[in-house]
N, C-alpha and C. Protein backbone atom coordinates (compact mmCIF):
# COMPACT_ATOMS: atom_id res chain seq x y z
N MET A 1 64.24 -98.42 7.11
CA MET A 1 63.10 -98.44 8.02
C MET A 1 61.90 -97.72 7.40
N ARG A 2 62.18 -96.62 6.77
CA ARG A 2 61.12 -95.83 6.18
C ARG A 2 60.48 -96.58 5.00
N SER A 3 61.29 -97.26 4.20
CA SER A 3 60.75 -98.00 3.05
C SER A 3 59.94 -99.21 3.52
N ILE A 4 60.33 -99.82 4.62
CA ILE A 4 59.56 -100.94 5.16
C ILE A 4 58.20 -100.46 5.63
N LEU A 5 58.20 -99.33 6.32
CA LEU A 5 56.93 -98.76 6.80
C LEU A 5 56.02 -98.41 5.61
N ALA A 6 56.61 -97.85 4.57
CA ALA A 6 55.83 -97.49 3.39
C ALA A 6 55.26 -98.75 2.72
N ALA A 7 56.04 -99.81 2.67
CA ALA A 7 55.58 -101.06 2.07
C ALA A 7 54.43 -101.67 2.88
N VAL A 8 54.56 -101.61 4.20
CA VAL A 8 53.51 -102.15 5.07
C VAL A 8 52.22 -101.34 4.89
N LEU A 9 52.34 -100.02 4.85
CA LEU A 9 51.16 -99.18 4.66
C LEU A 9 50.51 -99.43 3.30
N LEU A 10 51.33 -99.54 2.28
CA LEU A 10 50.82 -99.79 0.94
C LEU A 10 50.08 -101.13 0.89
N THR A 11 50.64 -102.13 1.52
CA THR A 11 50.00 -103.44 1.57
C THR A 11 48.68 -103.38 2.33
N ALA A 12 48.66 -102.68 3.43
CA ALA A 12 47.44 -102.57 4.22
C ALA A 12 46.34 -101.85 3.45
N ILE A 13 46.72 -100.86 2.67
CA ILE A 13 45.74 -100.11 1.88
C ILE A 13 45.27 -100.92 0.68
N ALA A 14 46.18 -101.64 0.04
CA ALA A 14 45.85 -102.37 -1.18
C ALA A 14 45.15 -103.69 -0.92
N ALA A 15 45.29 -104.27 0.27
CA ALA A 15 44.72 -105.58 0.55
C ALA A 15 43.20 -105.63 0.33
N PRO A 16 42.43 -104.67 0.81
CA PRO A 16 40.98 -104.73 0.54
C PRO A 16 40.65 -104.64 -0.94
N ALA A 17 41.44 -103.90 -1.69
CA ALA A 17 41.19 -103.80 -3.13
C ALA A 17 41.42 -105.14 -3.80
N PHE A 18 42.46 -105.86 -3.40
CA PHE A 18 42.71 -107.17 -3.97
C PHE A 18 41.64 -108.16 -3.55
N ALA A 19 41.17 -108.05 -2.35
CA ALA A 19 40.12 -108.95 -1.88
C ALA A 19 38.83 -108.74 -2.67
N GLN A 20 38.56 -107.52 -3.08
CA GLN A 20 37.35 -107.22 -3.83
C GLN A 20 37.42 -107.73 -5.25
N SER A 21 38.61 -107.83 -5.82
CA SER A 21 38.73 -108.25 -7.21
C SER A 21 39.34 -109.64 -7.31
N GLY A 22 39.14 -110.48 -6.33
CA GLY A 22 39.75 -111.80 -6.31
C GLY A 22 39.05 -112.83 -7.16
N THR A 23 38.06 -112.45 -7.91
CA THR A 23 37.31 -113.40 -8.73
C THR A 23 37.15 -112.91 -10.16
N PRO A 24 38.24 -112.72 -10.88
CA PRO A 24 38.11 -112.18 -12.23
C PRO A 24 37.36 -113.11 -13.18
N GLY A 25 37.50 -114.42 -13.02
CA GLY A 25 36.79 -115.35 -13.90
C GLY A 25 35.29 -115.28 -13.69
N ILE A 26 34.88 -115.18 -12.44
CA ILE A 26 33.46 -115.08 -12.12
C ILE A 26 32.91 -113.76 -12.65
N ASP A 27 33.66 -112.68 -12.44
CA ASP A 27 33.21 -111.36 -12.92
C ASP A 27 33.08 -111.34 -14.44
N ARG A 28 34.05 -111.94 -15.13
CA ARG A 28 34.02 -111.96 -16.59
C ARG A 28 32.80 -112.73 -17.09
N ARG A 29 32.54 -113.86 -16.48
CA ARG A 29 31.40 -114.66 -16.91
C ARG A 29 30.08 -113.96 -16.63
N GLN A 30 29.99 -113.28 -15.50
CA GLN A 30 28.78 -112.51 -15.19
C GLN A 30 28.53 -111.45 -16.26
N ALA A 31 29.59 -110.76 -16.67
CA ALA A 31 29.46 -109.72 -17.69
C ALA A 31 29.00 -110.33 -19.02
N ILE A 32 29.54 -111.48 -19.37
CA ILE A 32 29.15 -112.14 -20.62
C ILE A 32 27.67 -112.53 -20.57
N GLN A 33 27.25 -113.08 -19.44
CA GLN A 33 25.85 -113.49 -19.32
C GLN A 33 24.92 -112.29 -19.32
N ASP A 34 25.34 -111.19 -18.71
CA ASP A 34 24.54 -109.96 -18.77
C ASP A 34 24.38 -109.49 -20.21
N ARG A 35 25.46 -109.55 -20.98
CA ARG A 35 25.40 -109.15 -22.39
C ARG A 35 24.48 -110.07 -23.19
N ARG A 36 24.49 -111.36 -22.88
CA ARG A 36 23.61 -112.31 -23.57
C ARG A 36 22.15 -111.97 -23.32
N ILE A 37 21.83 -111.61 -22.10
CA ILE A 37 20.45 -111.24 -21.76
C ILE A 37 20.07 -109.97 -22.51
N GLU A 38 20.93 -108.96 -22.45
CA GLU A 38 20.67 -107.69 -23.14
C GLU A 38 20.50 -107.91 -24.64
N GLN A 39 21.36 -108.70 -25.23
CA GLN A 39 21.29 -108.97 -26.67
C GLN A 39 19.98 -109.69 -27.01
N GLY A 40 19.58 -110.63 -26.17
CA GLY A 40 18.33 -111.35 -26.41
C GLY A 40 17.13 -110.44 -26.33
N TYR A 41 17.16 -109.51 -25.39
CA TYR A 41 16.05 -108.56 -25.26
C TYR A 41 15.99 -107.64 -26.47
N ARG A 42 17.14 -107.13 -26.88
CA ARG A 42 17.18 -106.21 -28.04
C ARG A 42 16.76 -106.89 -29.33
N SER A 43 17.15 -108.16 -29.48
CA SER A 43 16.81 -108.86 -30.73
C SER A 43 15.37 -109.37 -30.73
N GLY A 44 14.74 -109.37 -29.57
CA GLY A 44 13.37 -109.82 -29.50
C GLY A 44 13.21 -111.29 -29.15
N THR A 45 14.31 -112.01 -28.95
CA THR A 45 14.19 -113.42 -28.58
C THR A 45 13.84 -113.58 -27.10
N LEU A 46 13.98 -112.50 -26.33
CA LEU A 46 13.55 -112.49 -24.92
C LEU A 46 12.51 -111.40 -24.73
N SER A 47 11.42 -111.74 -24.08
CA SER A 47 10.42 -110.73 -23.75
C SER A 47 10.94 -109.92 -22.55
N ALA A 48 10.28 -108.83 -22.25
CA ALA A 48 10.68 -108.01 -21.11
C ALA A 48 10.59 -108.81 -19.82
N GLN A 49 9.54 -109.62 -19.68
CA GLN A 49 9.37 -110.42 -18.48
C GLN A 49 10.47 -111.48 -18.35
N GLU A 50 10.81 -112.12 -19.46
CA GLU A 50 11.89 -113.13 -19.44
C GLU A 50 13.22 -112.48 -19.08
N ALA A 51 13.50 -111.32 -19.69
CA ALA A 51 14.76 -110.62 -19.40
C ALA A 51 14.81 -110.21 -17.93
N TRP A 52 13.69 -109.73 -17.39
CA TRP A 52 13.65 -109.33 -15.99
C TRP A 52 13.92 -110.51 -15.08
N LYS A 53 13.31 -111.64 -15.39
CA LYS A 53 13.49 -112.85 -14.58
C LYS A 53 14.95 -113.32 -14.64
N LEU A 54 15.55 -113.27 -15.81
CA LEU A 54 16.95 -113.66 -15.94
C LEU A 54 17.86 -112.68 -15.21
N ASP A 55 17.54 -111.40 -15.25
CA ASP A 55 18.31 -110.41 -14.49
C ASP A 55 18.24 -110.69 -12.99
N GLN A 56 17.09 -111.14 -12.52
CA GLN A 56 16.97 -111.50 -11.11
C GLN A 56 17.91 -112.64 -10.77
N GLY A 57 18.03 -113.60 -11.66
CA GLY A 57 18.96 -114.71 -11.45
C GLY A 57 20.40 -114.23 -11.42
N GLN A 58 20.72 -113.28 -12.29
CA GLN A 58 22.07 -112.72 -12.30
C GLN A 58 22.36 -112.00 -10.98
N ARG A 59 21.38 -111.28 -10.47
CA ARG A 59 21.56 -110.59 -9.19
C ARG A 59 21.79 -111.59 -8.06
N ARG A 60 21.09 -112.71 -8.12
CA ARG A 60 21.26 -113.74 -7.10
C ARG A 60 22.70 -114.27 -7.10
N VAL A 61 23.25 -114.51 -8.29
CA VAL A 61 24.62 -114.99 -8.39
C VAL A 61 25.59 -113.91 -7.89
N HIS A 62 25.30 -112.66 -8.21
CA HIS A 62 26.15 -111.56 -7.75
C HIS A 62 26.15 -111.48 -6.22
N ARG A 63 24.98 -111.66 -5.61
CA ARG A 63 24.91 -111.67 -4.14
C ARG A 63 25.72 -112.81 -3.55
N MET A 64 25.67 -113.98 -4.19
CA MET A 64 26.47 -115.12 -3.72
C MET A 64 27.95 -114.76 -3.75
N GLU A 65 28.37 -114.12 -4.83
CA GLU A 65 29.77 -113.72 -4.96
C GLU A 65 30.15 -112.70 -3.90
N ARG A 66 29.29 -111.73 -3.70
CA ARG A 66 29.57 -110.68 -2.71
C ARG A 66 29.69 -111.26 -1.30
N ARG A 67 28.81 -112.20 -0.98
CA ARG A 67 28.88 -112.84 0.34
C ARG A 67 30.14 -113.69 0.48
N ALA A 68 30.54 -114.34 -0.60
CA ALA A 68 31.75 -115.16 -0.55
C ALA A 68 32.99 -114.29 -0.34
N LYS A 69 32.97 -113.09 -0.91
CA LYS A 69 34.11 -112.18 -0.78
C LYS A 69 34.14 -111.44 0.55
N ALA A 70 33.07 -111.51 1.32
CA ALA A 70 32.94 -110.70 2.53
C ALA A 70 34.07 -110.91 3.52
N ASP A 71 34.59 -112.12 3.61
CA ASP A 71 35.68 -112.36 4.56
C ASP A 71 37.05 -112.16 3.93
N GLY A 72 37.11 -111.70 2.69
CA GLY A 72 38.38 -111.41 2.04
C GLY A 72 38.98 -112.59 1.30
N HIS A 73 38.33 -113.75 1.37
CA HIS A 73 38.85 -114.95 0.70
C HIS A 73 37.68 -115.76 0.18
N VAL A 74 37.78 -116.17 -1.09
CA VAL A 74 36.75 -117.01 -1.68
C VAL A 74 37.32 -118.43 -1.71
N SER A 75 36.72 -119.31 -0.93
CA SER A 75 37.22 -120.69 -0.84
C SER A 75 36.88 -121.47 -2.11
N ARG A 76 37.50 -122.62 -2.24
CA ARG A 76 37.26 -123.47 -3.39
C ARG A 76 35.79 -123.91 -3.41
N TRP A 77 35.24 -124.21 -2.24
CA TRP A 77 33.84 -124.62 -2.13
C TRP A 77 32.91 -123.49 -2.58
N GLU A 78 33.22 -122.25 -2.16
CA GLU A 78 32.40 -121.09 -2.56
C GLU A 78 32.49 -120.86 -4.06
N ARG A 79 33.70 -120.98 -4.62
CA ARG A 79 33.86 -120.82 -6.07
C ARG A 79 33.02 -121.85 -6.83
N GLN A 80 33.04 -123.09 -6.34
CA GLN A 80 32.28 -124.15 -7.01
C GLN A 80 30.78 -123.87 -6.93
N ARG A 81 30.30 -123.41 -5.78
CA ARG A 81 28.88 -123.06 -5.65
C ARG A 81 28.49 -121.95 -6.62
N ILE A 82 29.35 -120.93 -6.73
CA ILE A 82 29.08 -119.82 -7.64
C ILE A 82 29.12 -120.31 -9.09
N ARG A 83 30.10 -121.15 -9.41
CA ARG A 83 30.21 -121.69 -10.77
C ARG A 83 28.97 -122.53 -11.11
N ASP A 84 28.49 -123.33 -10.17
CA ASP A 84 27.28 -124.11 -10.41
C ASP A 84 26.07 -123.21 -10.65
N ALA A 85 25.96 -122.14 -9.86
CA ALA A 85 24.87 -121.19 -10.05
C ALA A 85 24.97 -120.51 -11.41
N GLN A 86 26.19 -120.18 -11.82
CA GLN A 86 26.37 -119.56 -13.14
C GLN A 86 26.01 -120.54 -14.25
N ASN A 87 26.34 -121.81 -14.07
CA ASN A 87 25.97 -122.82 -15.07
C ASN A 87 24.45 -122.93 -15.19
N ARG A 88 23.76 -122.96 -14.06
CA ARG A 88 22.29 -123.02 -14.10
C ARG A 88 21.72 -121.79 -14.78
N GLN A 89 22.29 -120.64 -14.46
CA GLN A 89 21.82 -119.38 -15.06
C GLN A 89 22.07 -119.38 -16.57
N SER A 90 23.22 -119.88 -16.99
CA SER A 90 23.53 -119.95 -18.42
C SER A 90 22.54 -120.84 -19.15
N HIS A 91 22.17 -121.97 -18.56
CA HIS A 91 21.18 -122.85 -19.17
C HIS A 91 19.82 -122.16 -19.26
N ARG A 92 19.46 -121.41 -18.23
CA ARG A 92 18.19 -120.67 -18.26
C ARG A 92 18.19 -119.65 -19.40
N ILE A 93 19.29 -118.93 -19.54
CA ILE A 93 19.39 -117.93 -20.62
C ILE A 93 19.23 -118.62 -21.96
N ASN A 94 19.95 -119.72 -22.13
CA ASN A 94 19.87 -120.48 -23.38
C ASN A 94 18.45 -120.93 -23.67
N ARG A 95 17.81 -121.51 -22.67
CA ARG A 95 16.46 -122.03 -22.84
C ARG A 95 15.47 -120.92 -23.19
N GLU A 96 15.56 -119.80 -22.49
CA GLU A 96 14.62 -118.69 -22.75
C GLU A 96 14.86 -118.05 -24.11
N LYS A 97 16.12 -117.96 -24.53
CA LYS A 97 16.39 -117.34 -25.83
C LYS A 97 15.95 -118.22 -26.99
N ARG A 98 15.82 -119.50 -26.74
CA ARG A 98 15.50 -120.41 -27.84
C ARG A 98 14.07 -120.93 -27.82
N ASP A 99 13.24 -120.40 -26.91
CA ASP A 99 11.84 -120.82 -26.97
C ASP A 99 11.13 -120.04 -28.07
N TRP A 100 9.90 -120.38 -28.31
CA TRP A 100 9.20 -119.80 -29.46
C TRP A 100 8.62 -118.43 -29.21
N ASN A 101 8.40 -118.04 -27.97
CA ASN A 101 7.84 -116.71 -27.65
C ASN A 101 6.54 -116.42 -28.38
N GLY A 102 5.82 -117.46 -28.78
CA GLY A 102 4.52 -117.24 -29.40
C GLY A 102 4.57 -116.87 -30.87
N TYR A 103 5.71 -116.97 -31.51
CA TYR A 103 5.78 -116.62 -32.95
C TYR A 103 5.43 -117.79 -33.81
């Protein structure tokens, strides 16, 4: 009886933590895209204004993810919406890093 109670308590405590980290693929891709922006800024292929604008896009995707996680479950439809937003953001990063920047 005591071990069952302990298991139930542990599950109740751990459930919110699992709900918060239920999107490892999305989180990994966000981190990669953040690094791409930072690398572009440091190398000079992105101006400060371009990097700021791209960071705003990253924040928008992060908000979408946070809202999707709010109910503790990210549906397939929500994942697809986030993935589409990440794809658009990735194309923006690519386009901005490869423009001429006036050189």
